[in-house]
């Protein structure tokens, strides 16, 4: 079972809005449970407007753990949890139970600044997370609005993974909620519905990568791996799309970040992680998303912490190298 938590300390960022639209997006194809942990009750209001009790909804006050455990026993595939705009116990508990945390943020200085505390909570809990820009000005000729560009640059300084798309401030998204519907139900061919569908596809790919990476509790490693990655019969170097580092050599935190970054950056990616200390040989780890097989002959090492080392990551785009 997969638990998606919508969290942000900033009120009005779009937590309830995204939870509602995504629940409506997936309810026809997979069992989904909504959990409203926000005393304001916006998600509950939307659910009442539907008048169908589909998808089902539960209310949470101080904890979601019991609801999540019951949902797993009852066979739900997805649980979407809306949380209040604070750092209360129910938010902490929701993040603890999360498969992935979605942090909505409007492209403004207050929302972007508020992201930092939620990011720190996710990192402390070692949970994958990603920021989704919501309520953004429309793109012009595929170019981001200047305020969106500024927001992305600010979020990059936090080393927070940010979805490459955006949820635009559109009337049809608001109208859908007022009728107790999601974007797909209100007008399936609208641009708003298409953006929600793209977001859901990105979340699904993220969760797939997270499950693939954490299922066995191990990470592949190899000493002094050659960074000039080449596919068989393809002599061109694979393009580097992002690089970042983690002081303290924390494998779980790095893997969490990689799992969140990979599906948001490219359709097919590979990640190299290097554990290094001055004057010593680096240990390399290869992780794979979207069905790429691991290189053969690489020994498997247990996830560990190395306080004296720094763990660095390089993400490579394999999208043009499909065999």
C-alpha atoms as a PDB file:
ATOM      1  CA  UNK A   1       0.000   0.000   0.000  1.00  0.00           C
ATOM      2  CA  UNK A   2       1.159   3.510  -0.809  1.00  0.00           C
ATOM      3  CA  UNK A   3       0.582   6.543   1.414  1.00  0.00           C
ATOM      4  CA  UNK A   4       0.812  10.004  -0.142  1.00  0.00           C
ATOM      5  CA  UNK A   5       0.865  12.857   2.368  1.00  0.00           C
ATOM      6  CA  UNK A   6       0.143  16.459   1.404  1.00  0.00           C
ATOM      7  CA  UNK A   7       1.987  18.698   3.832  1.00  0.00           C
ATOM      8  CA  UNK A   8       3.015  22.338   4.116  1.00  0.00           C
ATOM      9  CA  UNK A   9       3.186  24.774   7.002  1.00  0.00           C
ATOM     10  CA  UNK A  10       1.679  27.435   4.741  1.00  0.00           C
ATOM     11  CA  UNK A  11      -2.111  27.631   4.648  1.00  0.00           C
ATOM     12  CA  UNK A  12      -3.708  27.956   1.219  1.00  0.00           C
ATOM     13  CA  UNK A  13      -0.844  26.254  -0.591  1.00  0.00           C
ATOM     14  CA  UNK A  14      -3.133  23.678  -2.200  1.00  0.00           C
ATOM     15  CA  UNK A  15      -2.925  20.559  -0.031  1.00  0.00           C
ATOM     16  CA  UNK A  16      -6.684  19.885   0.006  1.00  0.00           C
ATOM     17  CA  UNK A  17      -7.030  20.916  -3.629  1.00  0.00           C
ATOM     18  CA  UNK A  18      -4.400  18.473  -4.884  1.00  0.00           C
ATOM     19  CA  UNK A  19      -5.658  15.664  -2.638  1.00  0.00           C
ATOM     20  CA  UNK A  20      -9.199  16.068  -3.991  1.00  0.00           C
ATOM     21  CA  UNK A  21      -8.233  16.269  -7.660  1.00  0.00           C
ATOM     22  CA  UNK A  22      -5.837  13.328  -7.426  1.00  0.00           C
ATOM     23  CA  UNK A  23      -8.349  11.183  -5.538  1.00  0.00           C
ATOM     24  CA  UNK A  24     -10.902  11.801  -8.275  1.00  0.00           C
ATOM     25  CA  UNK A  25      -8.227  11.057 -10.874  1.00  0.00           C
ATOM     26  CA  UNK A  26      -7.441   7.565  -9.588  1.00  0.00           C
ATOM     27  CA  UNK A  27     -10.621   6.329  -7.863  1.00  0.00           C
ATOM     28  CA  UNK A  28     -12.010   4.655 -10.990  1.00  0.00           C
ATOM     29  CA  UNK A  29      -8.959   2.451 -11.466  1.00  0.00           C
ATOM     30  CA  UNK A  30      -7.670   1.642  -7.991  1.00  0.00           C
ATOM     31  CA  UNK A  31      -8.939   1.485  -4.377  1.00  0.00           C
ATOM     32  CA  UNK A  32      -8.132   4.810  -2.680  1.00  0.00           C
ATOM     33  CA  UNK A  33      -8.896   6.149   0.787  1.00  0.00           C
ATOM     34  CA  UNK A  34      -8.911   9.827   1.738  1.00  0.00           C
ATOM     35  CA  UNK A  35      -7.851  10.961   5.201  1.00  0.00           C
ATOM     36  CA  UNK A  36      -8.711  14.486   6.345  1.00  0.00           C
ATOM     37  CA  UNK A  37      -6.400  15.408   9.209  1.00  0.00           C
ATOM     38  CA  UNK A  38      -6.984  19.155   8.833  1.00  0.00           C
ATOM     39  CA  UNK A  39      -9.484  20.613  11.363  1.00  0.00           C
ATOM     40  CA  UNK A  40     -10.569  23.118   8.723  1.00  0.00           C
ATOM     41  CA  UNK A  41     -12.197  20.200   6.911  1.00  0.00           C
ATOM     42  CA  UNK A  42     -11.880  21.400   3.304  1.00  0.00           C
ATOM     43  CA  UNK A  43     -11.424  17.866   1.981  1.00  0.00           C
ATOM     44  CA  UNK A  44     -14.430  16.691   4.007  1.00  0.00           C
ATOM     45  CA  UNK A  45     -16.535  19.527   2.538  1.00  0.00           C
ATOM     46  CA  UNK A  46     -15.552  18.509  -0.992  1.00  0.00           C
ATOM     47  CA  UNK A  47     -16.454  14.913  -0.150  1.00  0.00           C
ATOM     48  CA  UNK A  48     -19.910  15.972   1.097  1.00  0.00           C
ATOM     49  CA  UNK A  49     -20.514  17.924  -2.107  1.00  0.00           C
ATOM     50  CA  UNK A  50     -19.887  14.733  -4.076  1.00  0.00           C
ATOM     51  CA  UNK A  51     -22.725  12.944  -2.294  1.00  0.00           C
ATOM     52  CA  UNK A  52     -21.461   9.517  -3.373  1.00  0.00           C
ATOM     53  CA  UNK A  53     -19.093   8.463  -0.559  1.00  0.00           C
ATOM     54  CA  UNK A  54     -16.598   7.603  -3.284  1.00  0.00           C
ATOM     55  CA  UNK A  55     -13.787   7.576  -2.606  1.00  0.00           C
ATOM     56  CA  UNK A  56     -14.366   6.901   1.111  1.00  0.00           C
ATOM     57  CA  UNK A  57     -12.959   9.356   3.635  1.00  0.00           C
ATOM     58  CA  UNK A  58     -11.827   9.148   7.258  1.00  0.00           C
ATOM     59  CA  UNK A  59     -11.185  11.966   9.721  1.00  0.00           C
ATOM     60  CA  UNK A  60      -8.054  12.072  11.872  1.00  0.00           C
ATOM     61  CA  UNK A  61      -7.378  14.269  14.905  1.00  0.00           C
ATOM     62  CA  UNK A  62      -4.026  13.546  16.501  1.00  0.00           C
ATOM     63  CA  UNK A  63      -2.803  10.466  14.635  1.00  0.00           C
ATOM     64  CA  UNK A  64      -3.250   8.667  11.315  1.00  0.00           C
ATOM     65  CA  UNK A  65      -1.357   5.477  12.155  1.00  0.00           C
ATOM     66  CA  UNK A  66      -4.451   3.496  13.104  1.00  0.00           C
ATOM     67  CA  UNK A  67      -6.314   4.564   9.971  1.00  0.00           C
ATOM     68  CA  UNK A  68      -3.353   3.658   7.763  1.00  0.00           C
ATOM     69  CA  UNK A  69      -3.005   0.215   9.394  1.00  0.00           C
ATOM     70  CA  UNK A  70      -6.710  -0.481   8.927  1.00  0.00           C
ATOM     71  CA  UNK A  71      -6.605   0.687   5.320  1.00  0.00           C
ATOM     72  CA  UNK A  72      -3.805  -1.754   4.574  1.00  0.00           C
ATOM     73  CA  UNK A  73      -5.775  -4.618   6.094  1.00  0.00           C
ATOM     74  CA  UNK A  74      -8.808  -3.630   4.032  1.00  0.00           C
ATOM     75  CA  UNK A  75      -6.854  -3.778   0.790  1.00  0.00           C
ATOM     76  CA  UNK A  76      -6.561  -0.152  -0.245  1.00  0.00           C
ATOM     77  CA  UNK A  77      -3.779   0.508  -2.734  1.00  0.00           C
ATOM     78  CA  UNK A  78      -3.515   4.242  -2.060  1.00  0.00           C
ATOM     79  CA  UNK A  79      -4.123   6.446   0.950  1.00  0.00           C
ATOM     80  CA  UNK A  80      -4.092  10.228   0.398  1.00  0.00           C
ATOM     81  CA  UNK A  81      -3.691  12.272   3.592  1.00  0.00           C
ATOM     82  CA  UNK A  82      -4.482  15.986   3.855  1.00  0.00           C
ATOM     83  CA  UNK A  83      -2.746  17.678   6.794  1.00  0.00           C
ATOM     84  CA  UNK A  84      -3.137  21.010   8.626  1.00  0.00           C
ATOM     85  CA  UNK A  85      -0.809  23.967   7.905  1.00  0.00           C
ATOM     86  CA  UNK A  86       1.389  23.518  10.969  1.00  0.00           C
ATOM     87  CA  UNK A  87       4.027  21.245  12.493  1.00  0.00           C
ATOM     88  CA  UNK A  88       1.677  19.453  14.889  1.00  0.00           C
ATOM     89  CA  UNK A  89       1.786  15.843  16.040  1.00  0.00           C
ATOM     90  CA  UNK A  90      -0.670  14.690  13.374  1.00  0.00           C
ATOM     91  CA  UNK A  91       1.589  16.113  10.639  1.00  0.00           C
ATOM     92  CA  UNK A  92       4.611  14.351  12.115  1.00  0.00           C
ATOM     93  CA  UNK A  93       2.654  11.102  12.344  1.00  0.00           C
ATOM     94  CA  UNK A  94       1.406  11.418   8.770  1.00  0.00           C
ATOM     95  CA  UNK A  95       4.931  11.969   7.434  1.00  0.00           C
ATOM     96  CA  UNK A  96       6.140   8.986   9.474  1.00  0.00           C
ATOM     97  CA  UNK A  97       3.579   6.819   7.662  1.00  0.00           C
ATOM     98  CA  UNK A  98       4.225   8.300   4.221  1.00  0.00           C
ATOM     99  CA  UNK A  99       5.536   6.513   1.186  1.00  0.00           C
ATOM    100  CA  UNK A 100       6.060   9.968  -0.299  1.00  0.00           C
ATOM    101  CA  UNK A 101       5.287  13.527   0.805  1.00  0.00           C
ATOM    102  CA  UNK A 102       3.962  16.095  -1.643  1.00  0.00           C
ATOM    103  CA  UNK A 103       4.680  19.692  -0.587  1.00  0.00           C
ATOM    104  CA  UNK A 104       2.452  22.112  -2.527  1.00  0.00           C
ATOM    105  CA  UNK A 105       3.753  25.666  -2.834  1.00  0.00           C
ATOM    106  CA  UNK A 106       2.451  28.707  -4.636  1.00  0.00           C
ATOM    107  CA  UNK A 107       5.229  30.572  -6.458  1.00  0.00           C
ATOM    108  CA  UNK A 108       5.519  33.373  -3.942  1.00  0.00           C
ATOM    109  CA  UNK A 109       8.054  34.314  -1.304  1.00  0.00           C
ATOM    110  CA  UNK A 110       5.894  33.239   1.659  1.00  0.00           C
ATOM    111  CA  UNK A 111       5.069  29.784   0.301  1.00  0.00           C
ATOM    112  CA  UNK A 112       8.604  29.084  -0.859  1.00  0.00           C
ATOM    113  CA  UNK A 113      10.046  30.115   2.494  1.00  0.00           C
ATOM    114  CA  UNK A 114       7.518  27.955   4.357  1.00  0.00           C
ATOM    115  CA  UNK A 115       8.649  24.895   2.385  1.00  0.00           C
ATOM    116  CA  UNK A 116      11.890  24.709   4.351  1.00  0.00           C
ATOM    117  CA  UNK A 117      10.372  23.494   7.611  1.00  0.00           C
ATOM    118  CA  UNK A 118       8.359  20.758   5.913  1.00  0.00           C
ATOM    119  CA  UNK A 119      11.437  19.689   3.964  1.00  0.00           C
ATOM    120  CA  UNK A 120      13.370  19.405   7.228  1.00  0.00           C
ATOM    121  CA  UNK A 121      10.609  17.257   8.722  1.00  0.00           C
ATOM    122  CA  UNK A 122      10.748  14.920   5.729  1.00  0.00           C
ATOM    123  CA  UNK A 123      14.531  14.703   5.887  1.00  0.00           C
ATOM    124  CA  UNK A 124      14.455  14.018   9.624  1.00  0.00           C
ATOM    125  CA  UNK A 125      11.972  11.189   9.020  1.00  0.00           C
ATOM    126  CA  UNK A 126      13.985  10.023   5.966  1.00  0.00           C
ATOM    127  CA  UNK A 127      10.936  10.163   3.755  1.00  0.00           C
ATOM    128  CA  UNK A 128      10.952  10.898   0.013  1.00  0.00           C
ATOM    129  CA  UNK A 129       9.340  14.221  -0.833  1.00  0.00           C
ATOM    130  CA  UNK A 130       8.843  16.602  -3.729  1.00  0.00           C
ATOM    131  CA  UNK A 131       7.628  20.174  -4.062  1.00  0.00           C
ATOM    132  CA  UNK A 132       4.766  20.827  -6.486  1.00  0.00           C
ATOM    133  CA  UNK A 133       4.226  24.390  -7.689  1.00  0.00           C
ATOM    134  CA  UNK A 134       0.493  25.033  -7.452  1.00  0.00           C
ATOM    135  CA  UNK A 135      -1.695  27.988  -8.422  1.00  0.00           C
ATOM    136  CA  UNK A 136       1.004  29.166 -10.813  1.00  0.00           C
ATOM    137  CA  UNK A 137       0.583  31.714 -13.613  1.00  0.00           C
ATOM    138  CA  UNK A 138       0.063  30.113 -17.019  1.00  0.00           C
ATOM    139  CA  UNK A 139       3.089  29.315 -19.143  1.00  0.00           C
ATOM    140  CA  UNK A 140       3.723  31.315 -22.308  1.00  0.00           C
ATOM    141  CA  UNK A 141       5.019  29.323 -25.275  1.00  0.00           C
ATOM    142  CA  UNK A 142       6.134  26.547 -22.889  1.00  0.00           C
ATOM    143  CA  UNK A 143       8.177  29.060 -20.853  1.00  0.00           C
ATOM    144  CA  UNK A 144       7.634  29.430 -17.115  1.00  0.00           C
ATOM    145  CA  UNK A 145       6.303  32.688 -15.752  1.00  0.00           C
ATOM    146  CA  UNK A 146       9.112  34.836 -14.254  1.00  0.00           C
ATOM    147  CA  UNK A 147       7.709  34.319 -10.730  1.00  0.00           C
ATOM    148  CA  UNK A 148       7.785  30.531 -11.263  1.00  0.00           C
ATOM    149  CA  UNK A 149      11.406  30.716 -12.424  1.00  0.00           C
ATOM    150  CA  UNK A 150      12.300  32.697  -9.306  1.00  0.00           C
ATOM    151  CA  UNK A 151      10.506  30.113  -7.128  1.00  0.00           C
ATOM    152  CA  UNK A 152      12.357  27.223  -8.772  1.00  0.00           C
ATOM    153  CA  UNK A 153      15.694  28.955  -8.269  1.00  0.00           C
ATOM    154  CA  UNK A 154      14.895  29.543  -4.586  1.00  0.00           C
ATOM    155  CA  UNK A 155      13.833  25.931  -4.064  1.00  0.00           C
ATOM    156  CA  UNK A 156      17.015  24.716  -5.757  1.00  0.00           C
ATOM    157  CA  UNK A 157      18.994  26.421  -2.997  1.00  0.00           C
ATOM    158  CA  UNK A 158      17.198  24.165  -0.475  1.00  0.00           C
ATOM    159  CA  UNK A 159      18.211  21.115  -2.548  1.00  0.00           C
ATOM    160  CA  UNK A 160      14.554  20.172  -2.687  1.00  0.00           C
ATOM    161  CA  UNK A 161      13.279  18.030  -5.588  1.00  0.00           C
ATOM    162  CA  UNK A 162      10.685  20.020  -7.543  1.00  0.00           C
ATOM    163  CA  UNK A 163       8.262  18.616 -10.081  1.00  0.00           C
ATOM    164  CA  UNK A 164       9.140  19.862 -13.550  1.00  0.00           C
ATOM    165  CA  UNK A 165       5.493  20.614 -14.303  1.00  0.00           C
ATOM    166  CA  UNK A 166       3.075  22.920 -12.547  1.00  0.00           C
ATOM    167  CA  UNK A 167      -0.578  23.166 -11.555  1.00  0.00           C
ATOM    168  CA  UNK A 168      -1.794  26.391 -13.119  1.00  0.00           C
ATOM    169  CA  UNK A 169      -4.321  28.715 -11.516  1.00  0.00           C
ATOM    170  CA  UNK A 170      -7.310  27.751 -13.682  1.00  0.00           C
ATOM    171  CA  UNK A 171     -11.036  28.398 -13.319  1.00  0.00           C
ATOM    172  CA  UNK A 172     -11.966  24.833 -14.256  1.00  0.00           C
ATOM    173  CA  UNK A 173      -9.975  23.421 -11.327  1.00  0.00           C
ATOM    174  CA  UNK A 174     -11.870  25.690  -8.915  1.00  0.00           C
ATOM    175  CA  UNK A 175     -15.251  25.022 -10.543  1.00  0.00           C
ATOM    176  CA  UNK A 176     -14.707  21.276 -10.334  1.00  0.00           C
ATOM    177  CA  UNK A 177     -14.200  21.452  -6.569  1.00  0.00           C
ATOM    178  CA  UNK A 178     -17.354  23.532  -6.107  1.00  0.00           C
ATOM    179  CA  UNK A 179     -19.361  20.692  -7.700  1.00  0.00           C
ATOM    180  CA  UNK A 180     -17.656  18.033  -5.600  1.00  0.00           C
ATOM    181  CA  UNK A 181     -15.721  16.775  -8.602  1.00  0.00           C
ATOM    182  CA  UNK A 182     -12.147  16.426  -9.727  1.00  0.00           C
ATOM    183  CA  UNK A 183     -10.688  17.989 -12.861  1.00  0.00           C
ATOM    184  CA  UNK A 184     -11.002  14.741 -14.789  1.00  0.00           C
ATOM    185  CA  UNK A 185     -14.681  14.376 -13.880  1.00  0.00           C
ATOM    186  CA  UNK A 186     -15.556  18.013 -14.545  1.00  0.00           C
ATOM    187  CA  UNK A 187     -13.905  18.348 -17.965  1.00  0.00           C
ATOM    188  CA  UNK A 188     -11.651  15.482 -18.924  1.00  0.00           C
ATOM    189  CA  UNK A 189     -10.039  17.234 -21.888  1.00  0.00           C
ATOM    190  CA  UNK A 190      -9.271  20.501 -20.098  1.00  0.00           C
ATOM    191  CA  UNK A 191      -5.747  21.756 -19.536  1.00  0.00           C
ATOM    192  CA  UNK A 192      -6.292  21.550 -15.784  1.00  0.00           C
ATOM    193  CA  UNK A 193      -7.228  17.870 -16.069  1.00  0.00           C
ATOM    194  CA  UNK A 194      -4.137  17.245 -18.172  1.00  0.00           C
ATOM    195  CA  UNK A 195      -1.894  18.860 -15.554  1.00  0.00           C
ATOM    196  CA  UNK A 196      -3.441  16.761 -12.772  1.00  0.00           C
ATOM    197  CA  UNK A 197      -2.957  13.628 -14.887  1.00  0.00           C
ATOM    198  CA  UNK A 198       0.721  14.492 -15.470  1.00  0.00           C
ATOM    199  CA  UNK A 199       1.233  15.076 -11.762  1.00  0.00           C
ATOM    200  CA  UNK A 200      -0.332  11.738 -10.911  1.00  0.00           C
ATOM    201  CA  UNK A 201       1.860   9.979 -13.484  1.00  0.00           C
ATOM    202  CA  UNK A 202       4.939  11.560 -11.898  1.00  0.00           C
ATOM    203  CA  UNK A 203       3.838  10.457  -8.425  1.00  0.00           C
ATOM    204  CA  UNK A 204       3.254   6.901  -9.630  1.00  0.00           C
ATOM    205  CA  UNK A 205       6.727   6.776 -11.188  1.00  0.00           C
ATOM    206  CA  UNK A 206       8.231   8.147  -7.989  1.00  0.00           C
ATOM    207  CA  UNK A 207       6.538   5.548  -5.836  1.00  0.00           C
ATOM    208  CA  UNK A 208       7.665   2.811  -8.214  1.00  0.00           C
ATOM    209  CA  UNK A 209      11.253   4.022  -7.901  1.00  0.00           C
ATOM    210  CA  UNK A 210      10.971   4.273  -4.113  1.00  0.00           C
ATOM    211  CA  UNK A 211       9.604   0.740  -3.827  1.00  0.00           C
ATOM    212  CA  UNK A 212      12.270  -0.627  -6.157  1.00  0.00           C
ATOM    213  CA  UNK A 213      15.015   1.034  -4.159  1.00  0.00           C
ATOM    214  CA  UNK A 214      13.907   0.254  -0.639  1.00  0.00           C
ATOM    215  CA  UNK A 215      12.251  -3.126  -1.003  1.00  0.00           C
ATOM    216  CA  UNK A 216      15.332  -5.221  -0.256  1.00  0.00           C
ATOM    217  CA  UNK A 217      16.876  -2.743   2.152  1.00  0.00           C
ATOM    218  CA  UNK A 218      20.160  -2.843   0.231  1.00  0.00           C
ATOM    219  CA  UNK A 219      22.156  -0.774  -2.211  1.00  0.00           C
ATOM    220  CA  UNK A 220      24.521  -1.943  -4.933  1.00  0.00           C
ATOM    221  CA  UNK A 221      28.104  -0.737  -4.748  1.00  0.00           C
ATOM    222  CA  UNK A 222      31.347  -1.045  -6.689  1.00  0.00           C
ATOM    223  CA  UNK A 223      34.782   0.471  -6.121  1.00  0.00           C
ATOM    224  CA  UNK A 224      36.137   3.124  -8.480  1.00  0.00           C
ATOM    225  CA  UNK A 225      33.314   2.823 -11.031  1.00  0.00           C
ATOM    226  CA  UNK A 226      34.038   4.600 -14.328  1.00  0.00           C
ATOM    227  CA  UNK A 227      31.792   7.678 -14.597  1.00  0.00           C
ATOM    228  CA  UNK A 228      31.907   7.637 -18.389  1.00  0.00           C
ATOM    229  CA  UNK A 229      28.680   5.630 -18.612  1.00  0.00           C
ATOM    230  CA  UNK A 230      27.993   4.120 -22.023  1.00  0.00           C
ATOM    231  CA  UNK A 231      25.204   1.864 -23.212  1.00  0.00           C
ATOM    232  CA  UNK A 232      26.273  -1.177 -25.285  1.00  0.00           C
ATOM    233  CA  UNK A 233      26.834  -0.103 -28.882  1.00  0.00           C
ATOM    234  CA  UNK A 234      26.286   3.553 -27.986  1.00  0.00           C
ATOM    235  CA  UNK A 235      29.652   5.334 -27.598  1.00  0.00           C
ATOM    236  CA  UNK A 236      28.151   8.711 -26.658  1.00  0.00           C
ATOM    237  CA  UNK A 237      28.393   9.755 -22.991  1.00  0.00           C
ATOM    238  CA  UNK A 238      25.127   9.829 -21.079  1.00  0.00           C
ATOM    239  CA  UNK A 239      24.118  13.437 -20.242  1.00  0.00           C
ATOM    240  CA  UNK A 240      24.415  14.512 -16.628  1.00  0.00           C
ATOM    241  CA  UNK A 241      21.209  16.141 -15.387  1.00  0.00           C
ATOM    242  CA  UNK A 242      21.897  16.911 -11.741  1.00  0.00           C
ATOM    243  CA  UNK A 243      24.516  16.586  -9.020  1.00  0.00           C
ATOM    244  CA  UNK A 244      24.179  17.040  -5.260  1.00  0.00           C
ATOM    245  CA  UNK A 245      25.858  15.871  -2.052  1.00  0.00           C
ATOM    246  CA  UNK A 246      25.028  14.788   1.492  1.00  0.00           C
ATOM    247  CA  UNK A 247      27.511  15.475   4.305  1.00  0.00           C
ATOM    248  CA  UNK A 248      27.709  12.660   6.794  1.00  0.00           C
ATOM    249  CA  UNK A 249      27.436   9.824   4.275  1.00  0.00           C
ATOM    250  CA  UNK A 250      23.790   9.054   5.075  1.00  0.00           C
ATOM    251  CA  UNK A 251      22.721   6.366   2.631  1.00  0.00           C
ATOM    252  CA  UNK A 252      19.000   6.359   3.572  1.00  0.00           C
ATOM    253  CA  UNK A 253      18.663  10.128   3.179  1.00  0.00           C
ATOM    254  CA  UNK A 254      20.480  10.077  -0.145  1.00  0.00           C
ATOM    255  CA  UNK A 255      18.375   7.225  -1.446  1.00  0.00           C
ATOM    256  CA  UNK A 256      15.244   9.067  -0.356  1.00  0.00           C
ATOM    257  CA  UNK A 257      16.287  12.131  -2.333  1.00  0.00           C
ATOM    258  CA  UNK A 258      17.315  10.110  -5.382  1.00  0.00           C
ATOM    259  CA  UNK A 259      13.989   8.260  -5.391  1.00  0.00           C
ATOM    260  CA  UNK A 260      12.143  11.555  -5.333  1.00  0.00           C
ATOM    261  CA  UNK A 261      14.363  13.216  -7.976  1.00  0.00           C
ATOM    262  CA  UNK A 262      14.615  10.501 -10.592  1.00  0.00           C
ATOM    263  CA  UNK A 263      11.064  10.331 -11.995  1.00  0.00           C
ATOM    264  CA  UNK A 264      10.717  14.127 -11.866  1.00  0.00           C
ATOM    265  CA  UNK A 265      13.855  14.705 -13.918  1.00  0.00           C
ATOM    266  CA  UNK A 266      13.607  12.271 -16.806  1.00  0.00           C
ATOM    267  CA  UNK A 267      11.738   9.239 -18.082  1.00  0.00           C
ATOM    268  CA  UNK A 268      14.745   6.981 -17.655  1.00  0.00           C
ATOM    269  CA  UNK A 269      17.528   7.891 -15.267  1.00  0.00           C
ATOM    270  CA  UNK A 270      20.433   6.246 -13.538  1.00  0.00           C
ATOM    271  CA  UNK A 271      22.006   7.516 -10.334  1.00  0.00           C
ATOM    272  CA  UNK A 272      25.606   7.103  -9.221  1.00  0.00           C
ATOM    273  CA  UNK A 273      26.343   7.670  -5.562  1.00  0.00           C
ATOM    274  CA  UNK A 274      29.896   8.032  -4.319  1.00  0.00           C
ATOM    275  CA  UNK A 275      31.064   7.707  -0.734  1.00  0.00           C
ATOM    276  CA  UNK A 276      34.380   9.460  -0.298  1.00  0.00           C
ATOM    277  CA  UNK A 277      36.911  10.738   2.220  1.00  0.00           C
ATOM    278  CA  UNK A 278      40.183  12.621   1.489  1.00  0.00           C
ATOM    279  CA  UNK A 279      42.987  10.242   0.561  1.00  0.00           C
ATOM    280  CA  UNK A 280      40.778   7.162   0.299  1.00  0.00           C
ATOM    281  CA  UNK A 281      39.191   5.244  -2.556  1.00  0.00           C
ATOM    282  CA  UNK A 282      35.568   6.014  -3.296  1.00  0.00           C
ATOM    283  CA  UNK A 283      32.863   3.407  -3.148  1.00  0.00           C
ATOM    284  CA  UNK A 284      30.293   3.682  -5.928  1.00  0.00           C
ATOM    285  CA  UNK A 285      26.658   2.692  -5.831  1.00  0.00           C
ATOM    286  CA  UNK A 286      24.386   2.230  -8.813  1.00  0.00           C
ATOM    287  CA  UNK A 287      20.643   2.676  -8.445  1.00  0.00           C
ATOM    288  CA  UNK A 288      18.099   2.303 -11.208  1.00  0.00           C
ATOM    289  CA  UNK A 289      14.576   3.561 -11.913  1.00  0.00           C
ATOM    290  CA  UNK A 290      11.905   2.628 -14.426  1.00  0.00           C
ATOM    291  CA  UNK A 291      12.918  -0.959 -15.033  1.00  0.00           C
ATOM    292  CA  UNK A 292      16.588  -0.639 -15.989  1.00  0.00           C
ATOM    293  CA  UNK A 293      18.523  -3.727 -14.847  1.00  0.00           C
ATOM    294  CA  UNK A 294      21.428  -3.358 -12.453  1.00  0.00           C
ATOM    295  CA  UNK A 295      24.919  -3.927 -13.879  1.00  0.00           C
ATOM    296  CA  UNK A 296      25.990  -7.516 -13.353  1.00  0.00           C
ATOM    297  CA  UNK A 297      28.709  -8.530 -10.966  1.00  0.00           C
ATOM    298  CA  UNK A 298      28.232  -5.694  -8.494  1.00  0.00           C
ATOM    299  CA  UNK A 299      28.275  -6.868  -4.878  1.00  0.00           C
ATOM    300  CA  UNK A 300      25.395  -5.870  -2.658  1.00  0.00           C
ATOM    301  CA  UNK A 301      26.094  -3.994   0.581  1.00  0.00           C
ATOM    302  CA  UNK A 302      23.754  -3.273   3.464  1.00  0.00           C
ATOM    303  CA  UNK A 303      22.533   0.291   3.983  1.00  0.00           C
ATOM    304  CA  UNK A 304      24.873   1.966   6.460  1.00  0.00           C
ATOM    305  CA  UNK A 305      25.889   5.323   7.925  1.00  0.00           C
ATOM    306  CA  UNK A 306      29.413   6.708   7.492  1.00  0.00           C
ATOM    307  CA  UNK A 307      29.757   9.873   9.641  1.00  0.00           C
ATOM    308  CA  UNK A 308      33.259  10.774   8.400  1.00  0.00           C
ATOM    309  CA  UNK A 309      32.394  10.605   4.719  1.00  0.00           C
ATOM    310  CA  UNK A 310      30.500  12.700   2.213  1.00  0.00           C
ATOM    311  CA  UNK A 311      27.979  11.047  -0.055  1.00  0.00           C
ATOM    312  CA  UNK A 312      27.602  12.608  -3.504  1.00  0.00           C
ATOM    313  CA  UNK A 313      25.098  11.802  -6.225  1.00  0.00           C
ATOM    314  CA  UNK A 314      25.141  12.231 -10.000  1.00  0.00           C
ATOM    315  CA  UNK A 315      21.942  11.688 -11.993  1.00  0.00           C
ATOM    316  CA  UNK A 316      22.196  10.699 -15.665  1.00  0.00           C
ATOM    317  CA  UNK A 317      19.505  10.804 -18.342  1.00  0.00           C
ATOM    318  CA  UNK A 318      19.077   7.478 -20.130  1.00  0.00           C
ATOM    319  CA  UNK A 319      15.957   8.532 -22.018  1.00  0.00           C
ATOM    320  CA  UNK A 320      17.693   8.634 -25.425  1.00  0.00           C
ATOM    321  CA  UNK A 321      19.439   5.311 -24.826  1.00  0.00           C
ATOM    322  CA  UNK A 322      16.439   2.966 -24.869  1.00  0.00           C
ATOM    323  CA  UNK A 323      17.466  -0.273 -26.565  1.00  0.00           C
END
